[in-house]
PDB file of N, CA and C in Angstrom:
ATOM      1  N   UNK A   1       0.507 -17.312  38.789  1.00  0.00           N
ATOM      2  CA  UNK A   1       0.099 -15.984  39.155  1.00  0.00           C
ATOM      3  C   UNK A   1      -1.419 -15.907  39.062  1.00  0.00           C
ATOM      4  N   UNK A   2      -2.031 -15.649  40.157  1.00  0.00           N
ATOM      5  CA  UNK A   2      -3.486 -15.524  40.161  1.00  0.00           C
ATOM      6  C   UNK A   2      -3.852 -14.063  40.401  1.00  0.00           C
ATOM      7  N   UNK A   3      -4.987 -13.675  39.829  1.00  0.00           N
ATOM      8  CA  UNK A   3      -5.448 -12.293  39.977  1.00  0.00           C
ATOM      9  C   UNK A   3      -6.562 -12.235  41.008  1.00  0.00           C
ATOM     10  N   UNK A   4      -6.530 -11.212  41.798  1.00  0.00           N
ATOM     11  CA  UNK A   4      -7.590 -11.004  42.769  1.00  0.00           C
ATOM     12  C   UNK A   4      -8.772 -10.352  42.065  1.00  0.00           C
ATOM     13  N   UNK A   5      -9.929 -10.357  42.714  1.00  0.00           N
ATOM     14  CA  UNK A   5     -11.152  -9.820  42.121  1.00  0.00           C
ATOM     15  C   UNK A   5     -10.989  -8.355  41.715  1.00  0.00           C
ATOM     16  N   UNK A   6     -10.321  -7.584  42.521  1.00  0.00           N
ATOM     17  CA  UNK A   6     -10.144  -6.161  42.210  1.00  0.00           C
ATOM     18  C   UNK A   6      -9.228  -5.988  41.001  1.00  0.00           C
ATOM     19  N   UNK A   7      -8.236  -6.837  40.857  1.00  0.00           N
ATOM     20  CA  UNK A   7      -7.334  -6.780  39.702  1.00  0.00           C
ATOM     21  C   UNK A   7      -8.063  -7.160  38.426  1.00  0.00           C
ATOM     22  N   UNK A   8      -9.013  -8.083  38.515  1.00  0.00           N
ATOM     23  CA  UNK A   8      -9.785  -8.510  37.346  1.00  0.00           C
ATOM     24  C   UNK A   8     -10.635  -7.372  36.799  1.00  0.00           C
ATOM     25  N   UNK A   9     -11.084  -6.482  37.694  1.00  0.00           N
ATOM     26  CA  UNK A   9     -11.889  -5.348  37.250  1.00  0.00           C
ATOM     27  C   UNK A   9     -11.101  -4.445  36.295  1.00  0.00           C
ATOM     28  N   UNK A  10      -9.793  -4.415  36.450  1.00  0.00           N
ATOM     29  CA  UNK A  10      -8.947  -3.605  35.575  1.00  0.00           C
ATOM     30  C   UNK A  10      -8.417  -4.409  34.392  1.00  0.00           C
ATOM     31  N   UNK A  11      -8.200  -5.685  34.583  1.00  0.00           N
ATOM     32  CA  UNK A  11      -7.586  -6.513  33.543  1.00  0.00           C
ATOM     33  C   UNK A  11      -8.521  -6.737  32.358  1.00  0.00           C
ATOM     34  N   UNK A  12      -9.791  -7.007  32.590  1.00  0.00           N
ATOM     35  CA  UNK A  12     -10.721  -7.317  31.496  1.00  0.00           C
ATOM     36  C   UNK A  12     -10.929  -6.109  30.574  1.00  0.00           C
ATOM     37  N   UNK A  13     -11.232  -4.914  31.085  1.00  0.00           N
ATOM     38  CA  UNK A  13     -11.372  -3.772  30.172  1.00  0.00           C
ATOM     39  C   UNK A  13     -10.078  -3.463  29.409  1.00  0.00           C
ATOM     40  N   UNK A  14      -8.948  -3.641  30.057  1.00  0.00           N
ATOM     41  CA  UNK A  14      -7.671  -3.386  29.380  1.00  0.00           C
ATOM     42  C   UNK A  14      -7.464  -4.380  28.241  1.00  0.00           C
ATOM     43  N   UNK A  15      -7.894  -5.602  28.403  1.00  0.00           N
ATOM     44  CA  UNK A  15      -7.779  -6.607  27.358  1.00  0.00           C
ATOM     45  C   UNK A  15      -8.634  -6.217  26.156  1.00  0.00           C
ATOM     46  N   UNK A  16      -9.833  -5.703  26.411  1.00  0.00           N
ATOM     47  CA  UNK A  16     -10.698  -5.263  25.324  1.00  0.00           C
ATOM     48  C   UNK A  16     -10.092  -4.059  24.605  1.00  0.00           C
ATOM     49  N   UNK A  17      -9.495  -3.157  25.354  1.00  0.00           N
ATOM     50  CA  UNK A  17      -8.834  -1.999  24.744  1.00  0.00           C
ATOM     51  C   UNK A  17      -7.682  -2.449  23.855  1.00  0.00           C
ATOM     52  N   UNK A  18      -6.928  -3.420  24.327  1.00  0.00           N
ATOM     53  CA  UNK A  18      -5.798  -3.926  23.546  1.00  0.00           C
ATOM     54  C   UNK A  18      -6.290  -4.544  22.246  1.00  0.00           C
ATOM     55  N   UNK A  19      -7.405  -5.248  22.288  1.00  0.00           N
ATOM     56  CA  UNK A  19      -7.973  -5.837  21.076  1.00  0.00           C
ATOM     57  C   UNK A  19      -8.404  -4.785  20.078  1.00  0.00           C
ATOM     58  N   UNK A  20      -9.002  -3.708  20.565  1.00  0.00           N
ATOM     59  CA  UNK A  20      -9.421  -2.613  19.682  1.00  0.00           C
ATOM     60  C   UNK A  20      -8.220  -1.932  19.045  1.00  0.00           C
ATOM     61  N   UNK A  21      -7.194  -1.719  19.833  1.00  0.00           N
ATOM     62  CA  UNK A  21      -5.984  -1.075  19.314  1.00  0.00           C
ATOM     63  C   UNK A  21      -5.326  -1.954  18.265  1.00  0.00           C
ATOM     64  N   UNK A  22      -5.273  -3.250  18.521  1.00  0.00           N
ATOM     65  CA  UNK A  22      -4.685  -4.172  17.553  1.00  0.00           C
ATOM     66  C   UNK A  22      -5.481  -4.166  16.240  1.00  0.00           C
ATOM     67  N   UNK A  23      -6.793  -4.157  16.321  1.00  0.00           N
ATOM     68  CA  UNK A  23      -7.630  -4.121  15.112  1.00  0.00           C
ATOM     69  C   UNK A  23      -7.404  -2.821  14.344  1.00  0.00           C
ATOM     70  N   UNK A  24      -7.302  -1.707  15.052  1.00  0.00           N
ATOM     71  CA  UNK A  24      -7.048  -0.424  14.397  1.00  0.00           C
ATOM     72  C   UNK A  24      -5.700  -0.431  13.682  1.00  0.00           C
ATOM     73  N   UNK A  25      -4.693  -1.014  14.310  1.00  0.00           N
ATOM     74  CA  UNK A  25      -3.372  -1.096  13.686  1.00  0.00           C
ATOM     75  C   UNK A  25      -3.405  -1.958  12.431  1.00  0.00           C
ATOM     76  N   UNK A  26      -4.155  -3.055  12.463  1.00  0.00           N
ATOM     77  CA  UNK A  26      -4.269  -3.910  11.280  1.00  0.00           C
ATOM     78  C   UNK A  26      -4.967  -3.164  10.147  1.00  0.00           C
ATOM     79  N   UNK A  27      -6.025  -2.432  10.465  1.00  0.00           N
ATOM     80  CA  UNK A  27      -6.727  -1.653   9.441  1.00  0.00           C
ATOM     81  C   UNK A  27      -5.814  -0.574   8.865  1.00  0.00           C
ATOM     82  N   UNK A  28      -5.047   0.055   9.718  1.00  0.00           N
ATOM     83  CA  UNK A  28      -4.113   1.098   9.272  1.00  0.00           C
ATOM     84  C   UNK A  28      -3.092   0.508   8.305  1.00  0.00           C
ATOM     85  N   UNK A  29      -2.571  -0.670   8.624  1.00  0.00           N
ATOM     86  CA  UNK A  29      -1.599  -1.325   7.751  1.00  0.00           C
ATOM     87  C   UNK A  29      -2.220  -1.688   6.410  1.00  0.00           C
ATOM     88  N   UNK A  30      -3.459  -2.180   6.417  1.00  0.00           N
ATOM     89  CA  UNK A  30      -4.130  -2.521   5.165  1.00  0.00           C
ATOM     90  C   UNK A  30      -4.337  -1.283   4.300  1.00  0.00           C
ATOM     91  N   UNK A  31      -4.711  -0.190   4.914  1.00  0.00           N
ATOM     92  CA  UNK A  31      -4.916   1.057   4.175  1.00  0.00           C
ATOM     93  C   UNK A  31      -3.596   1.544   3.584  1.00  0.00           C
ATOM     94  N   UNK A  32      -2.528   1.454   4.348  1.00  0.00           N
ATOM     95  CA  UNK A  32      -1.218   1.876   3.850  1.00  0.00           C
ATOM     96  C   UNK A  32      -0.767   1.006   2.675  1.00  0.00           C
ATOM     97  N   UNK A  33      -0.997  -0.305   2.755  1.00  0.00           N
ATOM     98  CA  UNK A  33      -0.630  -1.204   1.664  1.00  0.00           C
ATOM     99  C   UNK A  33      -1.450  -0.899   0.420  1.00  0.00           C
ATOM    100  N   UNK A  34      -2.729  -0.634   0.605  1.00  0.00           N
ATOM    101  CA  UNK A  34      -3.594  -0.305  -0.523  1.00  0.00           C
ATOM    102  C   UNK A  34      -3.149   0.989  -1.185  1.00  0.00           C
ATOM    103  N   UNK A  35      -2.814   1.965  -0.378  1.00  0.00           N
ATOM    104  CA  UNK A  35      -2.349   3.240  -0.911  1.00  0.00           C
ATOM    105  C   UNK A  35      -1.036   3.065  -1.680  1.00  0.00           C
ATOM    106  N   UNK A  36      -0.122   2.279  -1.130  1.00  0.00           N
ATOM    107  CA  UNK A  36       1.160   2.041  -1.797  1.00  0.00           C
ATOM    108  C   UNK A  36       0.949   1.321  -3.129  1.00  0.00           C
ATOM    109  N   UNK A  37       0.075   0.333  -3.161  1.00  0.00           N
ATOM    110  CA  UNK A  37      -0.193  -0.397  -4.404  1.00  0.00           C
ATOM    111  C   UNK A  37      -0.816   0.528  -5.444  1.00  0.00           C
ATOM    112  N   UNK A  38      -1.706   1.391  -5.014  1.00  0.00           N
ATOM    113  CA  UNK A  38      -2.345   2.344  -5.931  1.00  0.00           C
ATOM    114  C   UNK A  38      -1.298   3.312  -6.486  1.00  0.00           C
ATOM    115  N   UNK A  39      -0.392   3.752  -5.647  1.00  0.00           N
ATOM    116  CA  UNK A  39       0.656   4.679  -6.087  1.00  0.00           C
ATOM    117  C   UNK A  39       1.586   4.005  -7.089  1.00  0.00           C
ATOM    118  N   UNK A  40       1.941   2.755  -6.860  1.00  0.00           N
ATOM    119  CA  UNK A  40       2.794   2.015  -7.791  1.00  0.00           C
ATOM    120  C   UNK A  40       2.096   1.875  -9.143  1.00  0.00           C
ATOM    121  N   UNK A  41       0.810   1.580  -9.119  1.00  0.00           N
ATOM    122  CA  UNK A  41       0.043   1.445 -10.364  1.00  0.00           C
ATOM    123  C   UNK A  41       0.007   2.779 -11.118  1.00  0.00           C
ATOM    124  N   UNK A  42      -0.239   3.869 -10.410  1.00  0.00           N
ATOM    125  CA  UNK A  42      -0.267   5.184 -11.051  1.00  0.00           C
ATOM    126  C   UNK A  42       1.095   5.524 -11.661  1.00  0.00           C
ATOM    127  N   UNK A  43       2.186   5.243 -10.932  1.00  0.00           N
ATOM    128  CA  UNK A  43       3.524   5.510 -11.446  1.00  0.00           C
ATOM    129  C   UNK A  43       3.810   4.680 -12.689  1.00  0.00           C
ATOM    130  N   UNK A  44       3.401   3.425 -12.669  1.00  0.00           N
ATOM    131  CA  UNK A  44       3.613   2.540 -13.809  1.00  0.00           C
ATOM    132  C   UNK A  44       2.869   3.047 -15.044  1.00  0.00           C
ATOM    133  N   UNK A  45       1.619   3.459 -14.846  1.00  0.00           N
ATOM    134  CA  UNK A  45       0.830   3.982 -15.965  1.00  0.00           C
ATOM    135  C   UNK A  45       1.436   5.278 -16.500  1.00  0.00           C
ATOM    136  N   UNK A  46       1.917   6.122 -15.607  1.00  0.00           N
ATOM    137  CA  UNK A  46       2.534   7.378 -16.029  1.00  0.00           C
ATOM    138  C   UNK A  46       3.798   7.111 -16.840  1.00  0.00           C
ATOM    139  N   UNK A  47       4.618   6.184 -16.378  1.00  0.00           N
ATOM    140  CA  UNK A  47       5.846   5.844 -17.103  1.00  0.00           C
ATOM    141  C   UNK A  47       5.527   5.245 -18.465  1.00  0.00           C
ATOM    142  N   UNK A  48       4.494   4.422 -18.521  1.00  0.00           N
ATOM    143  CA  UNK A  48       4.110   3.810 -19.790  1.00  0.00           C
ATOM    144  C   UNK A  48       3.642   4.886 -20.775  1.00  0.00           C
ATOM    145  N   UNK A  49       2.861   5.835 -20.311  1.00  0.00           N
ATOM    146  CA  UNK A  49       2.411   6.923 -21.187  1.00  0.00           C
ATOM    147  C   UNK A  49       3.598   7.755 -21.658  1.00  0.00           C
ATOM    148  N   UNK A  50       4.580   7.970 -20.792  1.00  0.00           N
ATOM    149  CA  UNK A  50       5.759   8.747 -21.163  1.00  0.00           C
ATOM    150  C   UNK A  50       6.534   8.041 -22.258  1.00  0.00           C
ATOM    151  N   UNK A  51       6.712   6.732 -22.124  1.00  0.00           N
ATOM    152  CA  UNK A  51       7.450   5.963 -23.134  1.00  0.00           C
ATOM    153  C   UNK A  51       6.713   5.996 -24.465  1.00  0.00           C
ATOM    154  N   UNK A  52       5.411   5.779 -24.440  1.00  0.00           N
ATOM    155  CA  UNK A  52       4.623   5.804 -25.675  1.00  0.00           C
ATOM    156  C   UNK A  52       4.699   7.182 -26.299  1.00  0.00           C
ATOM    157  N   UNK A  53       4.608   8.220 -25.495  1.00  0.00           N
ATOM    158  CA  UNK A  53       4.693   9.585 -26.003  1.00  0.00           C
ATOM    159  C   UNK A  53       6.039   9.876 -26.636  1.00  0.00           C
ATOM    160  N   UNK A  54       7.116   9.388 -26.041  1.00  0.00           N
ATOM    161  CA  UNK A  54       8.455   9.594 -26.587  1.00  0.00           C
ATOM    162  C   UNK A  54       8.635   8.835 -27.895  1.00  0.00           C
ATOM    163  N   UNK A  55       8.069   7.642 -27.994  1.00  0.00           N
ATOM    164  CA  UNK A  55       8.200   6.868 -29.227  1.00  0.00           C
ATOM    165  C   UNK A  55       7.527   7.581 -30.395  1.00  0.00           C
ATOM    166  N   UNK A  56       6.463   8.262 -30.138  1.00  0.00           N
ATOM    167  CA  UNK A  56       5.759   8.973 -31.211  1.00  0.00           C
ATOM    168  C   UNK A  56       6.581  10.141 -31.744  1.00  0.00           C
ATOM    169  N   UNK A  57       7.537  10.616 -30.970  1.00  0.00           N
ATOM    170  CA  UNK A  57       8.364  11.739 -31.390  1.00  0.00           C
ATOM    171  C   UNK A  57       9.535  11.307 -32.278  1.00  0.00           C
ATOM    172  N   UNK A  58       9.818  10.013 -32.325  1.00  0.00           N
ATOM    173  CA  UNK A  58      10.960   9.534 -33.089  1.00  0.00           C
ATOM    174  C   UNK A  58      10.699   9.671 -34.588  1.00  0.00           C
ATOM    175  N   UNK A  59      11.741   9.994 -35.358  1.00  0.00           N
ATOM    176  CA  UNK A  59      11.567  10.110 -36.804  1.00  0.00           C
ATOM    177  C   UNK A  59      11.325   8.746 -37.449  1.00  0.00           C
ATOM    178  N   UNK A  60      10.729   8.748 -38.619  1.00  0.00           N
ATOM    179  CA  UNK A  60      10.369   7.508 -39.303  1.00  0.00           C
ATOM    180  C   UNK A  60      11.591   6.658 -39.626  1.00  0.00           C
ATOM    181  N   UNK A  61      12.716   7.285 -39.999  1.00  0.00           N
ATOM    182  CA  UNK A  61      13.904   6.501 -40.362  1.00  0.00           C
ATOM    183  C   UNK A  61      14.459   5.720 -39.172  1.00  0.00           C
ATOM    184  N   UNK A  62      14.165   6.124 -37.972  1.00  0.00           N
ATOM    185  CA  UNK A  62      14.606   5.380 -36.799  1.00  0.00           C
ATOM    186  C   UNK A  62      13.965   3.994 -36.779  1.00  0.00           C
ATOM    187  N   UNK A  63      12.691   3.923 -37.102  1.00  0.00           N
ATOM    188  CA  UNK A  63      11.991   2.639 -37.105  1.00  0.00           C
ATOM    189  C   UNK A  63      12.507   1.729 -38.201  1.00  0.00           C
ATOM    190  N   UNK A  64      12.898   2.301 -39.351  1.00  0.00           N
ATOM    191  CA  UNK A  64      13.443   1.489 -40.439  1.00  0.00           C
ATOM    192  C   UNK A  64      14.728   0.820 -40.009  1.00  0.00           C
ATOM    193  N   UNK A  65      15.594   1.554 -39.306  1.00  0.00           N
ATOM    194  CA  UNK A  65      16.846   0.989 -38.824  1.00  0.00           C
ATOM    195  C   UNK A  65      16.605  -0.041 -37.729  1.00  0.00           C
ATOM    196  N   UNK A  66      15.637   0.230 -36.911  1.00  0.00           N
ATOM    197  CA  UNK A  66      15.335  -0.639 -35.774  1.00  0.00           C
ATOM    198  C   UNK A  66      14.804  -1.987 -36.211  1.00  0.00           C
ATOM    199  N   UNK A  67      13.934  -2.012 -37.205  1.00  0.00           N
ATOM    200  CA  UNK A  67      13.257  -3.248 -37.596  1.00  0.00           C
ATOM    201  C   UNK A  67      13.827  -3.873 -38.865  1.00  0.00           C
ATOM    202  N   UNK A  68      14.942  -3.400 -39.370  1.00  0.00           N
ATOM    203  CA  UNK A  68      15.498  -4.041 -40.575  1.00  0.00           C
ATOM    204  C   UNK A  68      16.670  -4.918 -40.264  1.00  0.00           C
TER     205      UNK A  68
END
């Protein structure tokens, strides 16, 4: 399949547009992955603080039973 000169006038700019769109999609995916990783880290830290906070509420005799 060969392209005529007039077809090339449309094909080259469209190829550049496709490259720009592909780059934008890759950047969008990277941003989404970064956001998801940040959210997982925040959730993990929140859960860890909750567990530590709950442990501080336990009575002293609980620890004696746990570690004896």
